[in-house]
PDB file of N, CA and C in Angstrom:
ATOM      1  N   MET A   1      85.711  99.137 119.768  1.00  0.00           N
ATOM      2  CA  MET A   1      86.106  98.867 118.403  1.00  0.00           C
ATOM      3  C   MET A   1      84.840  98.708 117.558  1.00  0.00           C
ATOM      4  N   ASN A   2      84.898  99.207 116.356  1.00  0.00           N
ATOM      5  CA  ASN A   2      83.777  99.184 115.442  1.00  0.00           C
ATOM      6  C   ASN A   2      84.139  98.295 114.249  1.00  0.00           C
ATOM      7  N   THR A   3      83.308  97.331 113.930  1.00  0.00           N
ATOM      8  CA  THR A   3      83.579  96.400 112.825  1.00  0.00           C
ATOM      9  C   THR A   3      82.573  96.614 111.705  1.00  0.00           C
ATOM     10  N   LYS A   4      83.083  96.692 110.489  1.00  0.00           N
ATOM     11  CA  LYS A   4      82.261  96.830 109.285  1.00  0.00           C
ATOM     12  C   LYS A   4      82.750  95.818 108.259  1.00  0.00           C
ATOM     13  N   HIS A   5      82.088  95.790 107.108  1.00  0.00           N
ATOM     14  CA  HIS A   5      82.486  94.916 106.010  1.00  0.00           C
ATOM     15  C   HIS A   5      82.549  95.732 104.722  1.00  0.00           C
ATOM     16  N   ILE A   6      83.554  95.442 103.911  1.00  0.00           N
ATOM     17  CA  ILE A   6      83.687  96.061 102.593  1.00  0.00           C
ATOM     18  C   ILE A   6      83.757  94.940 101.564  1.00  0.00           C
ATOM     19  N   HIS A   7      83.601  95.294 100.294  1.00  0.00           N
ATOM     20  CA  HIS A   7      83.771  94.341  99.203  1.00  0.00           C
ATOM     21  C   HIS A   7      85.128  94.594  98.576  1.00  0.00           C
ATOM     22  N   TYR A   8      85.901  93.517  98.432  1.00  0.00           N
ATOM     23  CA  TYR A   8      87.237  93.625  97.866  1.00  0.00           C
ATOM     24  C   TYR A   8      87.512  92.376  97.029  1.00  0.00           C
ATOM     25  N   LYS A   9      87.759  92.593  95.754  1.00  0.00           N
ATOM     26  CA  LYS A   9      88.057  91.503  94.812  1.00  0.00           C
ATOM     27  C   LYS A   9      87.016  90.386  94.871  1.00  0.00           C
ATOM     28  N   GLY A  10      85.753  90.785  94.863  1.00  0.00           N
ATOM     29  CA  GLY A  10      84.656  89.832  94.794  1.00  0.00           C
ATOM     30  C   GLY A  10      84.302  89.128  96.086  1.00  0.00           C
ATOM     31  N   GLN A  11      84.846  89.571  97.184  1.00  0.00           N
ATOM     32  CA  GLN A  11      84.509  88.939  98.459  1.00  0.00           C
ATOM     33  C   GLN A  11      84.246  89.990  99.522  1.00  0.00           C
ATOM     34  N   GLN A  12      83.551  89.572 100.535  1.00  0.00           N
ATOM     35  CA  GLN A  12      83.259  90.459 101.654  1.00  0.00           C
ATOM     36  C   GLN A  12      84.408  90.334 102.660  1.00  0.00           C
ATOM     37  N   VAL A  13      84.943  91.485 103.076  1.00  0.00           N
ATOM     38  CA  VAL A  13      86.109  91.531 103.953  1.00  0.00           C
ATOM     39  C   VAL A  13      85.747  92.317 105.211  1.00  0.00           C
ATOM     40  N   GLU A  14      86.141  91.781 106.359  1.00  0.00           N
ATOM     41  CA  GLU A  14      85.877  92.448 107.637  1.00  0.00           C
ATOM     42  C   GLU A  14      86.934  93.520 107.896  1.00  0.00           C
ATOM     43  N   VAL A  15      86.471  94.670 108.396  1.00  0.00           N
ATOM     44  CA  VAL A  15      87.359  95.784 108.723  1.00  0.00           C
ATOM     45  C   VAL A  15      87.026  96.273 110.123  1.00  0.00           C
ATOM     46  N   ASP A  16      88.029  96.318 110.985  1.00  0.00           N
ATOM     47  CA  ASP A  16      87.874  96.912 112.315  1.00  0.00           C
ATOM     48  C   ASP A  16      88.430  98.324 112.276  1.00  0.00           C
ATOM     49  N   ILE A  17      87.673  99.262 112.820  1.00  0.00           N
ATOM     50  CA  ILE A  17      88.155 100.626 112.958  1.00  0.00           C
ATOM     51  C   ILE A  17      88.829 100.709 114.320  1.00  0.00           C
ATOM     52  N   LEU A  18      90.156 100.821 114.319  1.00  0.00           N
ATOM     53  CA  LEU A  18      90.906 100.846 115.563  1.00  0.00           C
ATOM     54  C   LEU A  18      91.004 102.259 116.129  1.00  0.00           C
ATOM     55  N   GLU A  19      91.195 103.227 115.243  1.00  0.00           N
ATOM     56  CA  GLU A  19      91.221 104.651 115.579  1.00  0.00           C
ATOM     57  C   GLU A  19      90.602 105.381 114.400  1.00  0.00           C
ATOM     58  N   ASP A  20      90.516 106.712 114.487  1.00  0.00           N
ATOM     59  CA  ASP A  20      89.908 107.473 113.396  1.00  0.00           C
ATOM     60  C   ASP A  20      90.587 107.216 112.059  1.00  0.00           C
ATOM     61  N   ASP A  21      91.888 106.951 112.075  1.00  0.00           N
ATOM     62  CA  ASP A  21      92.628 106.797 110.830  1.00  0.00           C
ATOM     63  C   ASP A  21      93.374 105.465 110.708  1.00  0.00           C
ATOM     64  N   ILE A  22      93.100 104.517 111.590  1.00  0.00           N
ATOM     65  CA  ILE A  22      93.769 103.214 111.548  1.00  0.00           C
ATOM     66  C   ILE A  22      92.729 102.101 111.478  1.00  0.00           C
ATOM     67  N   PHE A  23      92.950 101.192 110.529  1.00  0.00           N
ATOM     68  CA  PHE A  23      92.000 100.125 110.245  1.00  0.00           C
ATOM     69  C   PHE A  23      92.723  98.787 110.212  1.00  0.00           C
ATOM     70  N   CYS A  24      92.061  97.755 110.671  1.00  0.00           N
ATOM     71  CA  CYS A  24      92.575  96.390 110.575  1.00  0.00           C
ATOM     72  C   CYS A  24      91.686  95.652 109.580  1.00  0.00           C
ATOM     73  N   VAL A  25      92.294  95.144 108.520  1.00  0.00           N
ATOM     74  CA  VAL A  25      91.565  94.478 107.449  1.00  0.00           C
ATOM     75  C   VAL A  25      91.906  92.989 107.490  1.00  0.00           C
ATOM     76  N   TYR A  26      90.876  92.151 107.530  1.00  0.00           N
ATOM     77  CA  TYR A  26      91.051  90.704 107.608  1.00  0.00           C
ATOM     78  C   TYR A  26      90.817  90.077 106.238  1.00  0.00           C
ATOM     79  N   LEU A  27      91.915  89.826 105.538  1.00  0.00           N
ATOM     80  CA  LEU A  27      91.856  89.157 104.249  1.00  0.00           C
ATOM     81  C   LEU A  27      92.038  87.660 104.473  1.00  0.00           C
ATOM     82  N   PRO A  28      91.608  86.832 103.527  1.00  0.00           N
ATOM     83  CA  PRO A  28      91.831  85.395 103.692  1.00  0.00           C
ATOM     84  C   PRO A  28      93.331  85.103 103.875  1.00  0.00           C
ATOM     85  N   GLY A  29      93.674  84.528 104.996  1.00  0.00           N
ATOM     86  CA  GLY A  29      95.050  84.139 105.258  1.00  0.00           C
ATOM     87  C   GLY A  29      95.963  85.204 105.813  1.00  0.00           C
ATOM     88  N   LYS A  30      95.476  86.446 105.937  1.00  0.00           N
ATOM     89  CA  LYS A  30      96.331  87.482 106.511  1.00  0.00           C
ATOM     90  C   LYS A  30      95.519  88.653 107.040  1.00  0.00           C
ATOM     91  N   LYS A  31      96.186  89.423 107.876  1.00  0.00           N
ATOM     92  CA  LYS A  31      95.576  90.604 108.477  1.00  0.00           C
ATOM     93  C   LYS A  31      96.483  91.798 108.162  1.00  0.00           C
ATOM     94  N   LEU A  32      95.886  92.897 107.723  1.00  0.00           N
ATOM     95  CA  LEU A  32      96.639  94.105 107.419  1.00  0.00           C
ATOM     96  C   LEU A  32      96.158  95.255 108.302  1.00  0.00           C
ATOM     97  N   ARG A  33      97.109  96.030 108.777  1.00  0.00           N
ATOM     98  CA  ARG A  33      96.764  97.267 109.482  1.00  0.00           C
ATOM     99  C   ARG A  33      97.097  98.414 108.550  1.00  0.00           C
ATOM    100  N   LEU A  34      96.091  99.238 108.276  1.00  0.00           N
ATOM    101  CA  LEU A  34      96.255 100.362 107.357  1.00  0.00           C
ATOM    102  C   LEU A  34      96.035 101.670 108.080  1.00  0.00           C
ATOM    103  N   GLN A  35      96.775 102.681 107.640  1.00  0.00           N
ATOM    104  CA  GLN A  35      96.580 104.021 108.183  1.00  0.00           C
ATOM    105  C   GLN A  35      96.265 104.966 107.044  1.00  0.00           C
ATOM    106  N   TYR A  36      95.236 105.760 107.245  1.00  0.00           N
ATOM    107  CA  TYR A  36      94.830 106.778 106.284  1.00  0.00           C
ATOM    108  C   TYR A  36      95.543 108.079 106.625  1.00  0.00           C
ATOM    109  N   LYS A  37      96.225 108.672 105.619  1.00  0.00           N
ATOM    110  CA  LYS A  37      96.923 109.931 105.824  1.00  0.00           C
ATOM    111  C   LYS A  37      96.681 110.844 104.630  1.00  0.00           C
ATOM    112  N   PRO A  38      95.886 111.880 104.795  1.00  0.00           N
ATOM    113  CA  PRO A  38      95.769 112.860 103.707  1.00  0.00           C
ATOM    114  C   PRO A  38      97.011 113.758 103.732  1.00  0.00           C
ATOM    115  N   ASP A  39      97.448 114.200 102.564  1.00  0.00           N
ATOM    116  CA  ASP A  39      98.578 115.122 102.558  1.00  0.00           C
ATOM    117  C   ASP A  39      98.085 116.559 102.535  1.00  0.00           C
ATOM    118  N   ASN A  40      99.009 117.508 102.560  1.00  0.00           N
ATOM    119  CA  ASN A  40      98.630 118.919 102.644  1.00  0.00           C
ATOM    120  C   ASN A  40      98.009 119.445 101.356  1.00  0.00           C
ATOM    121  N   GLU A  41      98.017 118.645 100.285  1.00  0.00           N
ATOM    122  CA  GLU A  41      97.378 119.042  99.032  1.00  0.00           C
ATOM    123  C   GLU A  41      96.030 118.352  98.829  1.00  0.00           C
ATOM    124  N   GLY A  42      95.596 117.597  99.815  1.00  0.00           N
ATOM    125  CA  GLY A  42      94.291 116.967  99.756  1.00  0.00           C
ATOM    126  C   GLY A  42      94.270 115.562  99.170  1.00  0.00           C
ATOM    127  N   ALA A  43      95.440 115.008  98.834  1.00  0.00           N
ATOM    128  CA  ALA A  43      95.492 113.640  98.297  1.00  0.00           C
ATOM    129  C   ALA A  43      95.412 112.634  99.438  1.00  0.00           C
ATOM    130  N   ASP A  44      94.730 111.523  99.178  1.00  0.00           N
ATOM    131  CA  ASP A  44      94.605 110.453 100.168  1.00  0.00           C
ATOM    132  C   ASP A  44      95.755 109.468 100.023  1.00  0.00           C
ATOM    133  N   HIS A  45      96.292 109.028 101.153  1.00  0.00           N
ATOM    134  CA  HIS A  45      97.348 108.014 101.166  1.00  0.00           C
ATOM    135  C   HIS A  45      96.967 106.944 102.171  1.00  0.00           C
ATOM    136  N   TRP A  46      97.213 105.694 101.797  1.00  0.00           N
ATOM    137  CA  TRP A  46      96.922 104.551 102.653  1.00  0.00           C
ATOM    138  C   TRP A  46      98.209 103.774 102.860  1.00  0.00           C
ATOM    139  N   LEU A  47      98.681 103.736 104.090  1.00  0.00           N
ATOM    140  CA  LEU A  47      99.936 103.072 104.418  1.00  0.00           C
ATOM    141  C   LEU A  47      99.683 101.710 105.045  1.00  0.00           C
ATOM    142  N   ASP A  48     100.445 100.729 104.612  1.00  0.00           N
ATOM    143  CA  ASP A  48     100.478  99.432 105.271  1.00  0.00           C
ATOM    144  C   ASP A  48     101.406  99.617 106.463  1.00  0.00           C
ATOM    145  N   LEU A  49     100.899  99.515 107.677  1.00  0.00           N
ATOM    146  CA  LEU A  49     101.692  99.798 108.857  1.00  0.00           C
ATOM    147  C   LEU A  49     102.779  98.757 109.100  1.00  0.00           C
ATOM    148  N   GLU A  50     102.683  97.593 108.504  1.00  0.00           N
ATOM    149  CA  GLU A  50     103.738  96.587 108.624  1.00  0.00           C
ATOM    150  C   GLU A  50     105.016  97.062 107.931  1.00  0.00           C
ATOM    151  N   SER A  51     104.860  97.591 106.728  1.00  0.00           N
ATOM    152  CA  SER A  51     106.012  98.055 105.954  1.00  0.00           C
ATOM    153  C   SER A  51     106.198  99.568 106.045  1.00  0.00           C
ATOM    154  N   ASN A  52     105.181 100.267 106.540  1.00  0.00           N
ATOM    155  CA  ASN A  52     105.158 101.730 106.606  1.00  0.00           C
ATOM    156  C   ASN A  52     105.278 102.359 105.216  1.00  0.00           C
ATOM    157  N   HIS A  53     104.736 101.655 104.211  1.00  0.00           N
ATOM    158  CA  HIS A  53     104.732 102.137 102.832  1.00  0.00           C
ATOM    159  C   HIS A  53     103.325 102.080 102.256  1.00  0.00           C
ATOM    160  N   GLU A  54     103.131 102.864 101.237  1.00  0.00           N
ATOM    161  CA  GLU A  54     101.877 102.834 100.494  1.00  0.00           C
ATOM    162  C   GLU A  54     102.015 101.758  99.411  1.00  0.00           C
ATOM    163  N   THR A  55     101.353 100.631  99.600  1.00  0.00           N
ATOM    164  CA  THR A  55     101.406  99.536  98.632  1.00  0.00           C
ATOM    165  C   THR A  55     100.166  99.571  97.748  1.00  0.00           C
ATOM    166  N   ASP A  56     100.229  98.885  96.625  1.00  0.00           N
ATOM    167  CA  ASP A  56      99.061  98.808  95.738  1.00  0.00           C
ATOM    168  C   ASP A  56      97.866  98.214  96.472  1.00  0.00           C
ATOM    169  N   GLU A  57      98.117  97.160  97.246  1.00  0.00           N
ATOM    170  CA  GLU A  57      97.041  96.511  97.992  1.00  0.00           C
ATOM    171  C   GLU A  57      96.449  97.461  99.031  1.00  0.00           C
ATOM    172  N   ALA A  58      97.302  98.207  99.728  1.00  0.00           N
ATOM    173  CA  ALA A  58      96.819  99.161 100.726  1.00  0.00           C
ATOM    174  C   ALA A  58      95.965 100.247 100.073  1.00  0.00           C
ATOM    175  N   VAL A  59      96.396 100.721  98.919  1.00  0.00           N
ATOM    176  CA  VAL A  59      95.635 101.752  98.204  1.00  0.00           C
ATOM    177  C   VAL A  59      94.280 101.217  97.767  1.00  0.00           C
ATOM    178  N   GLU A  60      94.257 100.009  97.195  1.00  0.00           N
ATOM    179  CA  GLU A  60      92.988  99.420  96.750  1.00  0.00           C
ATOM    180  C   GLU A  60      92.032  99.219  97.920  1.00  0.00           C
ATOM    181  N   LEU A  61      92.538  98.671  99.012  1.00  0.00           N
ATOM    182  CA  LEU A  61      91.692  98.477 100.191  1.00  0.00           C
ATOM    183  C   LEU A  61      91.252  99.823 100.754  1.00  0.00           C
ATOM    184  N   GLY A  62      92.170 100.762 100.809  1.00  0.00           N
ATOM    185  CA  GLY A  62      91.848 102.084 101.331  1.00  0.00           C
ATOM    186  C   GLY A  62      90.761 102.786 100.537  1.00  0.00           C
ATOM    187  N   GLU A  63      90.802 102.625  99.221  1.00  0.00           N
ATOM    188  CA  GLU A  63      89.752 103.222  98.393  1.00  0.00           C
ATOM    189  C   GLU A  63      88.394 102.636  98.738  1.00  0.00           C
ATOM    190  N   GLU A  64      88.344 101.333  98.959  1.00  0.00           N
ATOM    191  CA  GLU A  64      87.074 100.707  99.362  1.00  0.00           C
ATOM    192  C   GLU A  64      86.649 101.143 100.762  1.00  0.00           C
ATOM    193  N   ILE A  65      87.597 101.232 101.657  1.00  0.00           N
ATOM    194  CA  ILE A  65      87.272 101.709 103.015  1.00  0.00           C
ATOM    195  C   ILE A  65      86.783 103.153 102.936  1.00  0.00           C
ATOM    196  N   GLY A  66      87.450 103.953 102.147  1.00  0.00           N
ATOM    197  CA  GLY A  66      87.061 105.355 101.998  1.00  0.00           C
ATOM    198  C   GLY A  66      85.642 105.521 101.469  1.00  0.00           C
ATOM    199  N   LYS A  67      85.250 104.675 100.527  1.00  0.00           N
ATOM    200  CA  LYS A  67      83.882 104.732  99.992  1.00  0.00           C
ATOM    201  C   LYS A  67      82.881 104.393 101.084  1.00  0.00           C
ATOM    202  N   PHE A  68      83.197 103.368 101.844  1.00  0.00           N
ATOM    203  CA  PHE A  68      82.259 102.892 102.848  1.00  0.00           C
ATOM    204  C   PHE A  68      82.186 103.811 104.062  1.00  0.00           C
ATOM    205  N   PHE A  69      83.346 104.299 104.486  1.00  0.00           N
ATOM    206  CA  PHE A  69      83.404 105.097 105.712  1.00  0.00           C
ATOM    207  C   PHE A  69      83.441 106.592 105.442  1.00  0.00           C
ATOM    208  N   ASN A  70      83.367 106.986 104.165  1.00  0.00           N
ATOM    209  CA  ASN A  70      83.372 108.396 103.786  1.00  0.00           C
ATOM    210  C   ASN A  70      84.604 109.128 104.276  1.00  0.00           C
ATOM    211  N   ASN A  71      85.786 108.517 104.145  1.00  0.00           N
ATOM    212  CA  ASN A  71      87.047 109.174 104.528  1.00  0.00           C
ATOM    213  C   ASN A  71      87.517 110.056 103.404  1.00  0.00           C
TER     214      ASN A  71
END
């Protein structure tokens, strides 16, 4: 497992890379598992694996992960 840190809402957040497209993000008080899925038109999608939906929070975190990890 590979651990990195991103900046999110003014704080440093730990991110574990579980697989090429699955990330575990440790926010204060909770842990989120996100999956990166590009679509066939080249758009990036970030799914919260708990709900299996693209949430605003998942998208915001995914954008930061994407900048850091060049996804």
